[in-house]
Amino acid sequence: MSCITPDGKLTESAKKILGATKDLTTPEEISKVTGIPLFRVRSSLRELGDAGLLEKIDGKFRRTVSGEEKLKG
């Protein structure tokens, strides 16, 4: 399941995941907060990271400036 639509918009699950990553957090914490299954959170984190919207630090994730802008816009 893609996190970014062909026209460049975030899906609802991507918005939830980015919303849960203001501070460094683990995939397990994101899953718990959003209610999205862990396997989907992990695949979404990879996709959002590849798009430059999240960064990974010591196994935890937080949104980048680009991710913040994308979430708002």
Protein backbone atom coordinates (compact mmCIF):
# COMPACT_ATOMS: atom_id res chain seq x y z
CA MET A 1 0.00 0.00 0.00
CA SER A 2 1.43 3.32 -1.06
CA CYS A 3 1.73 6.25 1.34
CA ILE A 4 1.85 8.86 -1.37
CA THR A 5 -0.76 9.01 -4.10
CA PRO A 6 0.22 9.41 -7.77
CA ASP A 7 -0.66 13.11 -7.54
CA GLY A 8 1.75 13.56 -4.61
CA LYS A 9 -0.72 13.67 -1.73
CA LEU A 10 -0.36 11.72 1.50
CA THR A 11 -2.77 8.89 2.25
CA GLU A 12 -4.70 8.98 5.53
CA SER A 13 -2.42 6.33 7.05
CA ALA A 14 0.67 8.30 6.01
CA LYS A 15 -0.77 11.41 7.68
CA LYS A 16 -1.35 9.43 10.89
CA ILE A 17 2.19 8.06 10.84
CA LEU A 18 3.77 11.44 10.16
CA GLY A 19 1.57 12.93 12.87
CA ALA A 20 2.95 10.40 15.35
CA THR A 21 6.58 11.19 14.52
CA LYS A 22 7.07 14.71 15.78
CA ASP A 23 9.64 13.38 18.25
CA LEU A 24 11.84 10.31 17.91
CA THR A 25 9.65 7.26 18.27
CA THR A 26 9.75 3.54 17.52
CA PRO A 27 7.63 1.67 14.98
CA GLU A 28 5.92 -0.12 17.87
CA GLU A 29 4.94 3.19 19.50
CA ILE A 30 3.65 4.52 16.17
CA SER A 31 1.54 1.39 15.69
CA LYS A 32 0.09 1.70 19.18
CA VAL A 33 -0.74 5.40 18.83
CA THR A 34 -2.19 5.20 15.31
CA GLY A 35 -3.87 1.79 15.48
CA ILE A 36 -2.14 0.83 12.22
CA PRO A 37 -0.74 -2.73 12.19
CA LEU A 38 3.00 -2.89 12.85
CA PHE A 39 3.81 -4.55 9.51
CA ARG A 40 2.11 -1.67 7.68
CA VAL A 41 3.82 0.95 9.86
CA ARG A 42 7.22 -0.56 9.04
CA SER A 43 6.61 -0.58 5.29
CA SER A 44 5.23 2.96 5.44
CA LEU A 45 8.24 4.16 7.41
CA ARG A 46 10.52 2.84 4.66
CA GLU A 47 8.49 4.55 1.96
CA LEU A 48 8.23 7.85 3.84
CA GLY A 49 11.96 7.70 4.61
CA ASP A 50 12.79 7.07 0.94
CA ALA A 51 10.68 10.12 0.08
CA GLY A 52 12.70 12.23 2.54
CA LEU A 53 9.76 12.83 4.88
CA LEU A 54 11.20 10.87 7.83
CA GLU A 55 14.65 10.26 9.21
CA LYS A 56 15.84 7.25 11.17
CA ILE A 57 18.12 7.66 14.16
CA ASP A 58 19.14 4.66 16.25
CA GLY A 59 16.07 2.65 15.25
CA LYS A 60 13.65 5.51 15.94
CA PHE A 61 11.95 7.84 13.50
CA ARG A 62 10.99 11.49 13.31
CA ARG A 63 9.69 13.65 10.54
CA THR A 64 11.98 15.93 8.61
CA VAL A 65 11.31 19.54 7.69
CA SER A 66 9.99 18.22 4.36
CA GLY A 67 7.74 15.82 6.24
CA GLU A 68 6.43 18.65 8.40
CA GLU A 69 5.66 20.74 5.31
CA LYS A 70 4.00 17.82 3.52
CA LEU A 71 1.86 17.09 6.58
CA LYS A 72 0.65 20.70 6.74
CA GLY A 73 0.07 21.09 3.07
